[in-house]
C-alpha cells in the first residue's frame, strides 16, 4: 500500500471523525416542550402524540417519553415505548424505543403539578440518528402505549401558561391512533384539537439543535472531502 493511499485513508478517517464528533456534540439539544400538568392517564391502548410545525430547520437528536414520579408511581417505565416522528403523510422519519425501568437518562425541566407545584415526573430520552426537519413543514411525534403494561402520561393542561414551546417550533394539536393499537407503532390519524382541556398528551417529547442556514449537510462535507482525496490521488498518479 503506497504513501498516497495512506494519505487518502487518513483524510477519510479525519472527515468521519469530525462528523461523528459534531453529531455527538449536537446530542445535547433544546427541549421541544416543557409542561405543567394537572392530570394523568394510563391504560389507554393507543398511540399518543402531538402535531407540530417548524419555524426553522432543526436537527432531532433524542426522542423521549414521560415518566411519572408520584405517590402511586415509582420512577421508571413499566414497558418499552417506541417513539417516532412522522411526516405529515405518515412516513417514519426517525424512531427509537425507551427501555423499561430507569435505563434512559432524564433531561430537561421536571413536570410539575399545575395546582401544587409538586414534581410529578420527567422525560427520559434515547439518542437517535441526527435527523433534519425542514423549516415550514408539519410533523407528528407519537409513541406506543400498550394496555398490558400501562405507564401514566400527562394530560389536562387548562391554560396556555402550562406549556412552553421552543421558539423554533409551533404546537398544533394532539394526535392519537384508534383504540386497540397501543402495542405497535402506527401513524396517529385521529386529530385532537386544543381546547381548555383536550389536545395535549405527553407522552412523547424530543430534543433538537437548530440548523444554521449556512451549515452544509454532512453528506456535502463528505463529498467535498472525497473529491479532494480523489484529486490528490490523481495528481500523485500523473
Protein backbone atom coordinates (compact mmCIF):
# COMPACT_ATOMS: atom_id res chain seq x y z
CA UNK A 1 0.00 0.00 0.00
CA UNK A 2 1.60 3.27 -1.13
CA UNK A 3 2.05 6.53 0.71
CA UNK A 4 -0.70 8.21 -1.32
CA UNK A 5 -3.19 5.53 -0.32
CA UNK A 6 -2.32 6.02 3.34
CA UNK A 7 -2.87 9.78 2.93
CA UNK A 8 -6.28 9.20 1.40
CA UNK A 9 -7.29 6.81 4.16
CA UNK A 10 -6.11 9.29 6.79
CA UNK A 11 -8.09 12.10 5.14
CA UNK A 12 -11.25 10.00 5.02
CA UNK A 13 -10.89 8.91 8.64
CA UNK A 14 -10.35 12.52 9.70
CA UNK A 15 -13.56 13.62 7.98
CA UNK A 16 -15.57 10.77 9.51
CA UNK A 17 -14.15 11.54 12.96
CA UNK A 18 -15.01 15.23 12.70
CA UNK A 19 -18.54 14.46 11.55
CA UNK A 20 -19.06 11.95 14.37
CA UNK A 21 -17.73 14.41 16.95
CA UNK A 22 -20.06 17.10 15.62
CA UNK A 23 -23.09 14.84 15.76
CA UNK A 24 -22.26 13.68 19.29
CA UNK A 25 -21.86 17.28 20.39
CA UNK A 26 -25.25 18.06 18.88
CA UNK A 27 -26.94 15.43 21.06
CA UNK A 28 -27.34 17.87 23.98
CA UNK A 29 -30.08 20.00 22.49
CA UNK A 30 -33.13 22.14 23.06
CA UNK A 31 -36.18 20.55 24.68
CA UNK A 32 -39.15 20.86 22.32
CA UNK A 33 -41.79 21.36 25.01
CA UNK A 34 -41.75 21.92 28.78
CA UNK A 35 -45.05 21.39 30.58
CA UNK A 36 -47.01 21.62 33.80
CA UNK A 37 -49.79 19.10 34.30
CA UNK A 38 -52.91 18.77 36.39
CA UNK A 39 -53.84 15.28 35.25
CA UNK A 40 -52.55 11.88 34.17
CA UNK A 41 -53.95 8.96 32.25
CA UNK A 42 -52.91 5.32 31.89
CA UNK A 43 -54.30 2.15 30.41
CA UNK A 44 -55.09 3.91 27.14
CA UNK A 45 -54.43 1.33 24.42
CA UNK A 46 -53.46 3.58 21.52
CA UNK A 47 -50.54 5.57 20.16
CA UNK A 48 -50.48 9.09 21.55
CA UNK A 49 -48.64 12.19 20.46
CA UNK A 50 -48.91 15.65 19.00
CA UNK A 51 -48.56 17.58 15.79
CA UNK A 52 -46.13 20.46 15.34
CA UNK A 53 -44.70 22.69 12.63
CA UNK A 54 -41.18 24.07 12.25
CA UNK A 55 -40.29 27.75 12.10
CA UNK A 56 -36.73 26.92 11.03
CA UNK A 57 -34.77 23.81 10.12
CA UNK A 58 -33.85 21.70 13.15
CA UNK A 59 -31.89 18.51 13.77
CA UNK A 60 -33.60 15.99 16.06
CA UNK A 61 -31.06 14.30 18.34
CA UNK A 62 -33.13 12.49 21.01
CA UNK A 63 -36.66 11.17 21.48
CA UNK A 64 -38.25 10.98 24.92
CA UNK A 65 -41.19 9.65 26.90
CA UNK A 66 -42.84 10.95 30.06
CA UNK A 67 -42.02 9.16 33.32
CA UNK A 68 -44.43 9.96 36.13
CA UNK A 69 -42.97 10.07 39.63
CA UNK A 70 -45.55 10.40 42.37
CA UNK A 71 -47.35 8.83 45.27
CA UNK A 72 -48.67 5.95 43.17
CA UNK A 73 -45.85 5.71 40.60
CA UNK A 74 -42.25 4.65 41.07
CA UNK A 75 -39.53 6.04 38.76
CA UNK A 76 -39.06 4.20 35.50
CA UNK A 77 -41.23 2.66 32.80
CA UNK A 78 -43.32 -0.48 33.14
CA UNK A 79 -42.78 -1.23 29.45
CA UNK A 80 -40.80 -0.05 26.45
CA UNK A 81 -42.27 2.78 24.40
CA UNK A 82 -41.41 3.14 20.72
CA UNK A 83 -41.42 6.78 19.65
CA UNK A 84 -41.31 8.18 16.12
CA UNK A 85 -41.51 11.45 14.26
CA UNK A 86 -43.66 11.15 11.14
CA UNK A 87 -44.00 13.34 8.10
CA UNK A 88 -47.47 14.76 7.53
CA UNK A 89 -48.27 11.91 5.12
CA UNK A 90 -47.29 9.20 7.63
CA UNK A 91 -43.70 8.31 6.72
CA UNK A 92 -41.46 7.47 9.68
CA UNK A 93 -38.51 9.90 9.64
CA UNK A 94 -36.78 8.81 12.84
CA UNK A 95 -37.68 6.36 15.62
CA UNK A 96 -36.30 4.76 18.78
CA UNK A 97 -37.51 3.00 21.93
CA UNK A 98 -37.08 3.90 25.58
CA UNK A 99 -36.41 0.86 27.75
CA UNK A 100 -38.34 -0.44 30.78
CA UNK A 101 -37.08 0.78 34.13
CA UNK A 102 -34.72 3.72 34.56
CA UNK A 103 -32.14 2.92 31.87
CA UNK A 104 -32.76 6.07 29.85
CA UNK A 105 -31.47 9.37 31.30
CA UNK A 106 -33.64 12.27 32.41
CA UNK A 107 -33.25 15.64 30.69
CA UNK A 108 -34.97 19.00 30.86
CA UNK A 109 -37.19 20.61 33.43
CA UNK A 110 -39.39 18.45 35.66
CA UNK A 111 -43.10 18.24 35.02
CA UNK A 112 -44.81 19.83 37.99
CA UNK A 113 -48.40 19.99 39.13
CA UNK A 114 -50.37 22.98 37.88
CA UNK A 115 -52.11 23.18 41.23
CA UNK A 116 -49.50 22.34 43.86
CA UNK A 117 -46.12 22.88 42.10
CA UNK A 118 -45.05 19.39 43.19
CA UNK A 119 -42.76 17.43 40.89
CA UNK A 120 -44.84 14.81 39.10
CA UNK A 121 -42.38 13.44 36.56
CA UNK A 122 -39.68 13.91 33.95
CA UNK A 123 -38.95 12.95 30.37
CA UNK A 124 -36.43 10.20 29.73
CA UNK A 125 -34.60 10.30 26.40
CA UNK A 126 -32.86 7.96 23.98
CA UNK A 127 -30.37 9.15 21.36
CA UNK A 128 -31.28 8.77 17.69
CA UNK A 129 -29.51 9.20 14.39
CA UNK A 130 -29.48 13.00 13.95
CA UNK A 131 -32.35 13.82 11.62
CA UNK A 132 -33.05 17.17 9.95
CA UNK A 133 -36.62 18.51 9.84
CA UNK A 134 -37.14 21.19 7.22
CA UNK A 135 -38.46 24.66 8.06
CA UNK A 136 -42.10 25.40 7.33
CA UNK A 137 -43.31 21.78 7.41
CA UNK A 138 -45.72 19.87 9.63
CA UNK A 139 -44.70 16.76 11.57
CA UNK A 140 -46.21 14.39 14.14
CA UNK A 141 -44.41 12.85 17.09
CA UNK A 142 -46.13 9.83 18.61
CA UNK A 143 -45.43 6.65 20.52
CA UNK A 144 -46.79 3.33 21.64
CA UNK A 145 -48.72 3.00 24.89
CA UNK A 146 -49.53 -0.70 25.41
CA UNK A 147 -52.52 -1.60 27.55
CA UNK A 148 -50.88 -4.62 29.17
CA UNK A 149 -48.10 -2.54 30.77
CA UNK A 150 -49.59 0.93 31.25
CA UNK A 151 -47.45 3.95 32.10
CA UNK A 152 -49.23 7.18 33.03
CA UNK A 153 -48.86 10.12 30.65
CA UNK A 154 -49.51 13.78 31.36
CA UNK A 155 -52.80 15.37 30.23
CA UNK A 156 -55.19 18.17 31.06
CA UNK A 157 -53.40 21.49 30.69
CA UNK A 158 -56.02 24.08 31.46
CA UNK A 159 -54.17 27.24 30.37
CA UNK A 160 -51.52 28.08 27.78
CA UNK A 161 -49.09 29.06 30.53
CA UNK A 162 -48.83 25.37 31.46
CA UNK A 163 -46.92 24.61 28.24
CA UNK A 164 -43.76 26.32 26.99
CA UNK A 165 -42.85 25.56 23.39
CA UNK A 166 -39.40 26.23 21.94
CA UNK A 167 -39.45 29.17 19.51
CA UNK A 168 -38.18 27.01 16.62
CA UNK A 169 -41.44 25.01 16.56
CA UNK A 170 -45.19 25.51 16.92
CA UNK A 171 -47.50 23.17 18.82
CA UNK A 172 -50.56 22.47 16.63
CA UNK A 173 -52.76 19.83 18.27
CA UNK A 174 -52.84 16.42 19.86
CA UNK A 175 -52.84 13.19 17.85
CA UNK A 176 -53.85 9.62 18.65
CA UNK A 177 -54.46 6.34 16.87
CA UNK A 178 -57.60 4.23 17.09
CA UNK A 179 -58.31 2.27 20.27
CA UNK A 180 -56.61 -1.12 20.49
CA UNK A 181 -53.43 -0.16 18.61
CA UNK A 182 -51.20 0.78 21.56
CA UNK A 183 -48.74 -2.11 21.30
CA UNK A 184 -47.47 -1.39 17.77
CA UNK A 185 -46.18 1.82 16.24
CA UNK A 186 -48.81 3.27 13.89
CA UNK A 187 -49.44 6.69 12.40
CA UNK A 188 -51.86 8.60 14.67
CA UNK A 189 -54.56 9.79 12.28
CA UNK A 190 -57.07 10.97 14.91
CA UNK A 191 -56.84 14.74 15.47
CA UNK A 192 -57.36 16.24 18.92
CA UNK A 193 -57.87 20.00 18.51
CA UNK A 194 -56.79 22.05 21.51
CA UNK A 195 -59.44 23.49 23.78
CA UNK A 196 -59.40 24.21 27.51
CA UNK A 197 -58.84 20.56 28.50
CA UNK A 198 -58.01 18.50 25.42
CA UNK A 199 -55.36 18.08 22.77
CA UNK A 200 -52.22 17.99 24.91
CA UNK A 201 -51.00 14.48 25.64
CA UNK A 202 -47.36 13.88 26.68
CA UNK A 203 -46.44 11.00 26.02
CA UNK A 204 -43.62 11.86 23.71
CA UNK A 205 -41.16 14.74 23.56
CA UNK A 206 -37.90 15.37 21.73
CA UNK A 207 -34.61 17.25 21.81
CA UNK A 208 -33.05 19.06 18.88
CA UNK A 209 -30.45 21.59 17.79
CA UNK A 210 -31.10 24.44 15.33
CA UNK A 211 -29.59 24.05 11.87
CA UNK A 212 -27.86 27.28 10.71
CA UNK A 213 -28.88 28.25 7.19
CA UNK A 214 -25.21 28.44 6.16
CA UNK A 215 -24.28 24.99 7.51
CA UNK A 216 -23.72 22.40 4.74
CA UNK A 217 -25.27 18.97 5.06
CA UNK A 218 -22.85 16.31 6.39
CA UNK A 219 -23.19 14.47 3.08
CA UNK A 220 -21.96 17.59 1.25
CA UNK A 221 -18.94 17.84 3.52
CA UNK A 222 -18.16 14.19 2.89
CA UNK A 223 -18.45 14.61 -0.86
CA UNK A 224 -16.07 17.57 -0.75
CA UNK A 225 -13.57 15.51 1.22
CA UNK A 226 -13.89 12.57 -1.17
CA UNK A 227 -13.45 14.88 -4.12
CA UNK A 228 -10.36 16.40 -2.56
CA UNK A 229 -8.91 12.96 -1.89
CA UNK A 230 -9.62 11.86 -5.46
CA UNK A 231 -7.91 14.95 -6.86
CA UNK A 232 -4.88 14.27 -4.65
CA UNK A 233 -4.77 10.65 -5.84
CA UNK A 234 -4.96 11.67 -9.49
CA UNK A 235 -2.28 14.31 -9.01
CA UNK A 236 0.04 11.75 -7.41
CA UNK A 237 -0.52 9.30 -10.27
CA UNK A 238 0.24 11.85 -13.01
